[in-house]
Every structure is written in structure tokens, then in C-alpha cells.
C-alpha atoms as a PDB file:
ATOM      1  CA  MET A   1      47.948 -35.035 -68.486  1.00  0.00           C
ATOM      2  CA  ASN A   2      51.589 -35.798 -68.521  1.00  0.00           C
ATOM      3  CA  ASN A   3      52.774 -33.115 -70.935  1.00  0.00           C
ATOM      4  CA  ILE A   4      51.367 -29.889 -68.203  1.00  0.00           C
ATOM      5  CA  VAL A   5      54.045 -27.578 -67.227  1.00  0.00           C
ATOM      6  CA  LEU A   6      52.912 -26.754 -63.745  1.00  0.00           C
ATOM      7  CA  GLN A   7      53.813 -22.974 -63.308  1.00  0.00           C
ATOM      8  CA  VAL A   8      53.206 -20.874 -60.076  1.00  0.00           C
ATOM      9  CA  GLY A   9      53.000 -17.296 -59.986  1.00  0.00           C
ATOM     10  CA  VAL A  10      52.187 -14.689 -56.942  1.00  0.00           C
ATOM     11  CA  LYS A  11      50.334 -11.655 -57.578  1.00  0.00           C
ATOM     12  CA  VAL A  12      49.761  -8.412 -55.066  1.00  0.00           C
ATOM     13  CA  LEU A  13      47.456  -5.577 -54.156  1.00  0.00           C
ATOM     14  CA  LEU A  14      49.870  -3.268 -53.342  1.00  0.00           C
ATOM     15  CA  LYS A  15      48.308  -0.360 -50.991  1.00  0.00           C
ATOM     16  CA  ASP A  16      49.266   2.859 -50.548  1.00  0.00           C
ATOM     17  CA  SER A  17      49.156   5.624 -47.301  1.00  0.00           C
ATOM     18  CA  GLU A  18      46.376   7.025 -48.881  1.00  0.00           C
ATOM     19  CA  GLY A  19      44.211   3.257 -49.548  1.00  0.00           C
ATOM     20  CA  LYS A  20      44.763   2.998 -52.978  1.00  0.00           C
ATOM     21  CA  ILE A  21      45.943   0.211 -54.954  1.00  0.00           C
ATOM     22  CA  LEU A  22      48.657   0.134 -57.799  1.00  0.00           C
ATOM     23  CA  ILE A  23      47.703  -1.381 -61.105  1.00  0.00           C
ATOM     24  CA  LEU A  24      49.938  -1.743 -63.968  1.00  0.00           C
ATOM     25  CA  LYS A  25      49.285  -1.276 -67.582  1.00  0.00           C
ATOM     26  CA  ARG A  26      51.250  -4.223 -69.288  1.00  0.00           C
ATOM     27  CA  SER A  27      53.328  -4.665 -71.899  1.00  0.00           C
ATOM     28  CA  GLU A  28      52.110  -4.872 -75.406  1.00  0.00           C
ATOM     29  CA  GLU A  29      55.610  -5.130 -77.389  1.00  0.00           C
ATOM     30  CA  LYS A  30      56.325  -8.013 -74.182  1.00  0.00           C
ATOM     31  CA  TYR A  31      52.136  -9.692 -73.546  1.00  0.00           C
ATOM     32  CA  GLY A  32      50.836  -9.274 -77.095  1.00  0.00           C
ATOM     33  CA  LYS A  33      46.658  -9.071 -76.761  1.00  0.00           C
ATOM     34  CA  THR A  34      46.115  -9.754 -72.924  1.00  0.00           C
ATOM     35  CA  ASN A  35      42.581 -10.142 -71.106  1.00  0.00           C
ATOM     36  CA  GLY A  36      43.063  -7.441 -69.836  1.00  0.00           C
ATOM     37  CA  SER A  37      46.186  -4.488 -69.814  1.00  0.00           C
ATOM     38  CA  TRP A  38      45.866  -3.249 -66.019  1.00  0.00           C
ATOM     39  CA  ASP A  39      47.166  -5.628 -63.903  1.00  0.00           C
ATOM     40  CA  ILE A  40      48.650  -6.272 -60.506  1.00  0.00           C
ATOM     41  CA  PRO A  41      51.989  -6.390 -59.751  1.00  0.00           C
ATOM     42  CA  GLY A  42      54.214 -10.054 -59.701  1.00  0.00           C
ATOM     43  CA  GLY A  43      54.808 -12.784 -61.688  1.00  0.00           C
ATOM     44  CA  ARG A  44      55.759 -16.626 -61.602  1.00  0.00           C
ATOM     45  CA  ILE A  45      58.136 -17.953 -59.211  1.00  0.00           C
ATOM     46  CA  ASP A  46      61.478 -19.294 -58.597  1.00  0.00           C
ATOM     47  CA  PRO A  47      61.627 -23.140 -57.542  1.00  0.00           C
ATOM     48  CA  GLY A  48      63.008 -23.704 -54.882  1.00  0.00           C
ATOM     49  CA  SER A  49      63.220 -20.244 -53.227  1.00  0.00           C
ATOM     50  CA  GLU A  50      59.506 -19.186 -51.301  1.00  0.00           C
ATOM     51  CA  LEU A  51      56.878 -17.493 -52.057  1.00  0.00           C
ATOM     52  CA  ILE A  52      57.233 -14.831 -50.418  1.00  0.00           C
ATOM     53  CA  VAL A  53      60.884 -13.838 -51.023  1.00  0.00           C
ATOM     54  CA  ASN A  54      59.837 -14.458 -54.757  1.00  0.00           C
ATOM     55  CA  LEU A  55      56.366 -11.550 -54.380  1.00  0.00           C
ATOM     56  CA  LYS A  56      59.254  -9.293 -52.893  1.00  0.00           C
ATOM     57  CA  ARG A  57      61.442  -9.868 -55.308  1.00  0.00           C
ATOM     58  CA  GLU A  58      58.676 -10.007 -58.460  1.00  0.00           C
ATOM     59  CA  ILE A  59      57.480  -6.333 -56.750  1.00  0.00           C
ATOM     60  CA  GLU A  60      61.074  -4.627 -57.120  1.00  0.00           C
ATOM     61  CA  GLU A  61      62.022  -5.910 -60.080  1.00  0.00           C
ATOM     62  CA  GLU A  62      58.882  -4.551 -61.756  1.00  0.00           C
ATOM     63  CA  THR A  63      58.609  -1.287 -59.411  1.00  0.00           C
ATOM     64  CA  LYS A  64      61.099  -0.876 -57.068  1.00  0.00           C
ATOM     65  CA  LEU A  65      59.007  -0.935 -54.816  1.00  0.00           C
ATOM     66  CA  LYS A  66      59.520  -2.464 -51.488  1.00  0.00           C
ATOM     67  CA  ILE A  67      56.715  -4.387 -48.958  1.00  0.00           C
ATOM     68  CA  VAL A  68      56.128  -2.660 -45.992  1.00  0.00           C
ATOM     69  CA  SER A  69      53.966  -5.366 -44.313  1.00  0.00           C
ATOM     70  CA  GLU A  70      53.611  -8.519 -43.788  1.00  0.00           C
ATOM     71  CA  PRO A  71      51.838  -9.607 -46.992  1.00  0.00           C
ATOM     72  CA  ARG A  72      48.481 -11.640 -46.301  1.00  0.00           C
ATOM     73  CA  LEU A  73      47.106 -14.679 -49.205  1.00  0.00           C
ATOM     74  CA  ILE A  74      43.730 -14.021 -49.611  1.00  0.00           C
ATOM     75  CA  ALA A  75      43.039 -16.269 -53.024  1.00  0.00           C
ATOM     76  CA  ALA A  76      44.529 -18.928 -55.152  1.00  0.00           C
ATOM     77  CA  GLN A  77      43.479 -19.444 -58.461  1.00  0.00           C
ATOM     78  CA  ASP A  78      43.886 -22.389 -61.489  1.00  0.00           C
ATOM     79  CA  ILE A  79      44.625 -20.516 -64.588  1.00  0.00           C
ATOM     80  CA  MET A  80      45.156 -23.288 -67.598  1.00  0.00           C
ATOM     81  CA  PRO A  81      45.851 -22.821 -71.083  1.00  0.00           C
ATOM     82  CA  PRO A  82      46.733 -25.353 -73.126  1.00  0.00           C
ATOM     83  CA  GLU A  83      49.654 -27.442 -72.291  1.00  0.00           C
ATOM     84  CA  ARG A  84      49.953 -25.609 -69.185  1.00  0.00           C
ATOM     85  CA  HIS A  85      48.538 -25.124 -65.609  1.00  0.00           C
ATOM     86  CA  ILE A  86      49.463 -21.868 -63.731  1.00  0.00           C
ATOM     87  CA  VAL A  87      48.236 -21.598 -60.027  1.00  0.00           C
ATOM     88  CA  ARG A  88      48.511 -18.104 -59.103  1.00  0.00           C
ATOM     89  CA  LEU A  89      48.042 -17.015 -55.760  1.00  0.00           C
ATOM     90  CA  THR A  90      47.140 -13.199 -54.863  1.00  0.00           C
ATOM     91  CA  TYR A  91      48.131 -11.480 -51.615  1.00  0.00           C
ATOM     92  CA  THR A  92      47.454  -8.182 -50.599  1.00  0.00           C
ATOM     93  CA  ALA A  93      50.538  -5.722 -49.208  1.00  0.00           C
ATOM     94  CA  HIS A  94      51.588  -2.173 -48.145  1.00  0.00           C
ATOM     95  CA  THR A  95      53.582   0.298 -49.695  1.00  0.00           C
ATOM     96  CA  GLU A  96      55.033   3.510 -49.477  1.00  0.00           C
ATOM     97  CA  GLY A  97      57.172   5.949 -52.409  1.00  0.00           C
ATOM     98  CA  GLU A  98      55.870   6.083 -56.085  1.00  0.00           C
ATOM     99  CA  PRO A  99      56.723   3.018 -58.426  1.00  0.00           C
ATOM    100  CA  VAL A 100      59.866   3.381 -60.993  1.00  0.00           C
ATOM    101  CA  LEU A 101      58.479   0.777 -63.696  1.00  0.00           C
ATOM    102  CA  ASP A 102      60.802  -1.643 -65.356  1.00  0.00           C
ATOM    103  CA  LEU A 103      59.453  -0.589 -69.221  1.00  0.00           C
ATOM    104  CA  SER A 104      60.008  -3.899 -70.945  1.00  0.00           C
ATOM    105  CA  GLU A 105      57.381  -4.967 -68.263  1.00  0.00           C
ATOM    106  CA  SER A 106      54.719  -2.377 -68.050  1.00  0.00           C
ATOM    107  CA  THR A 107      53.859   0.835 -69.971  1.00  0.00           C
ATOM    108  CA  ASP A 108      51.885   3.102 -67.078  1.00  0.00           C
ATOM    109  CA  TYR A 109      51.056   2.881 -63.350  1.00  0.00           C
ATOM    110  CA  ARG A 110      48.325   4.168 -61.266  1.00  0.00           C
ATOM    111  CA  TRP A 111      46.885   3.811 -57.422  1.00  0.00           C
ATOM    112  CA  VAL A 112      43.489   3.338 -57.866  1.00  0.00           C
ATOM    113  CA  THR A 113      40.382   3.129 -55.325  1.00  0.00           C
ATOM    114  CA  PHE A 114      38.451  -0.172 -54.709  1.00  0.00           C
ATOM    115  CA  ASP A 115      35.373   1.163 -56.757  1.00  0.00           C
ATOM    116  CA  GLU A 116      38.000   2.636 -59.526  1.00  0.00           C
ATOM    117  CA  LEU A 117      39.676  -1.195 -59.588  1.00  0.00           C
ATOM    118  CA  THR A 118      36.318  -2.302 -60.288  1.00  0.00           C
ATOM    119  CA  SER A 119      34.538  -0.546 -62.935  1.00  0.00           C
ATOM    120  CA  GLU A 120      38.005  -0.962 -64.906  1.00  0.00           C
ATOM    121  CA  ASP A 121      37.222  -2.169 -68.025  1.00  0.00           C
ATOM    122  CA  ASP A 122      40.438  -3.329 -69.024  1.00  0.00           C
ATOM    123  CA  LEU A 123      41.080  -5.297 -65.899  1.00  0.00           C
ATOM    124  CA  ASP A 124      43.250  -8.120 -66.076  1.00  0.00           C
ATOM    125  CA  ALA A 125      40.381 -11.057 -66.412  1.00  0.00           C
ATOM    126  CA  TYR A 126      41.315 -13.163 -63.030  1.00  0.00           C
ATOM    127  CA  VAL A 127      41.418 -10.648 -61.235  1.00  0.00           C
ATOM    128  CA  ARG A 128      37.838  -9.551 -62.410  1.00  0.00           C
ATOM    129  CA  ARG A 129      36.784 -13.259 -61.697  1.00  0.00           C
ATOM    130  CA  LEU A 130      38.211 -12.680 -57.868  1.00  0.00           C
ATOM    131  CA  ILE A 131      35.829  -9.401 -57.702  1.00  0.00           C
ATOM    132  CA  MET A 132      32.899 -11.560 -59.646  1.00  0.00           C
ATOM    133  CA  SER A 133      33.729 -14.594 -56.861  1.00  0.00           C
ATOM    134  CA  GLY A 134      33.141 -12.150 -53.887  1.00  0.00           C
ATOM    135  CA  ILE A 135      36.561 -13.360 -52.740  1.00  0.00           C
ATOM    136  CA  LEU A 136      38.242  -9.862 -53.507  1.00  0.00           C
ATOM    137  CA  THR A 137      35.970  -7.370 -51.799  1.00  0.00           C
ATOM    138  CA  SER A 138      37.104  -3.732 -50.594  1.00  0.00           C
ATOM    139  CA  GLU A 139      37.433  -5.627 -46.941  1.00  0.00           C
ATOM    140  CA  SER A 140      39.499  -8.416 -48.144  1.00  0.00           C
ATOM    141  CA  TRP A 141      42.279  -6.396 -49.715  1.00  0.00           C
ATOM    142  CA  ASN A 142      42.854  -3.984 -46.766  1.00  0.00           C
ATOM    143  CA  PRO A 143      46.141  -5.812 -45.340  1.00  0.00           C
ATOM    144  CA  LEU A 144      45.820  -4.308 -42.323  1.00  0.00           C
END
């Protein structure tokens, strides 16, 4: 057990002014085949800095967007591939504008309704788990 690496990740359901959320298509070149190509923005934290600072940094790096509301924590998940334990914290927040992608991370984006998110066949497995568990509902991802 002592050889397990602990990592913390932050993700966000970013809502635009029309009530849609941003999903990003992961770069297969960088991430290979994954359990769902479409994911919400975010990434790992830098130890020694605050969660929200990391969340804002990740969003700006991946999309050039800024969070314009106070992020609200809606879920924490354990992800345990071999030799790692990742704690993934998921937030909701608002943004304005259109993303400018870091193409090394993501190759495409879409703004989707909650119903479109739930019916996406190629959705990240951990986002799907939040939906299936009932934690992520159309009300829970609304940060206002």
C-alpha cells in the first residue's frame, strides 16, 4: 500500500449564458484510448496551491476561458488504477465566451444541454458514474 501514488484532480461543469455545459474531446495522441473521449475540463492540482486556484489555472490552460462565478463543489470520487489513487473533485461554475483549445489536450469541444450530456455515448466514465449515481442531475450542475 505504501507504494501507491496519491493524486488530486479538479474538474468543472462549466455553464454558459444559455445554460449549456462545455465538454471537451480528449486528444487520443496524448491520452490514448480512454473510457470515454468526451470529458469536462480540469486536471491535476499542483501540491501546495489551493484547489480553486488549480481549477481556474486548468480551465485557462485548456480553454482560455475564465470562471466568472464562485465554483461550487458537487462531488468527490475515488479513482484507483493500479499503483495510483486519484481523488477527483467536481465543481460547477459559470463562464463566458468561446473556448480556444490547447490542441495537445483536446481536439474539439461542444456546448451541450444536460439531456445531451446524459445521452452522450462516448462520455468519460467518471462523469457517467456521477449521472448514474444521481449525484449529477440537471439541478446539481446549476451553480446559481
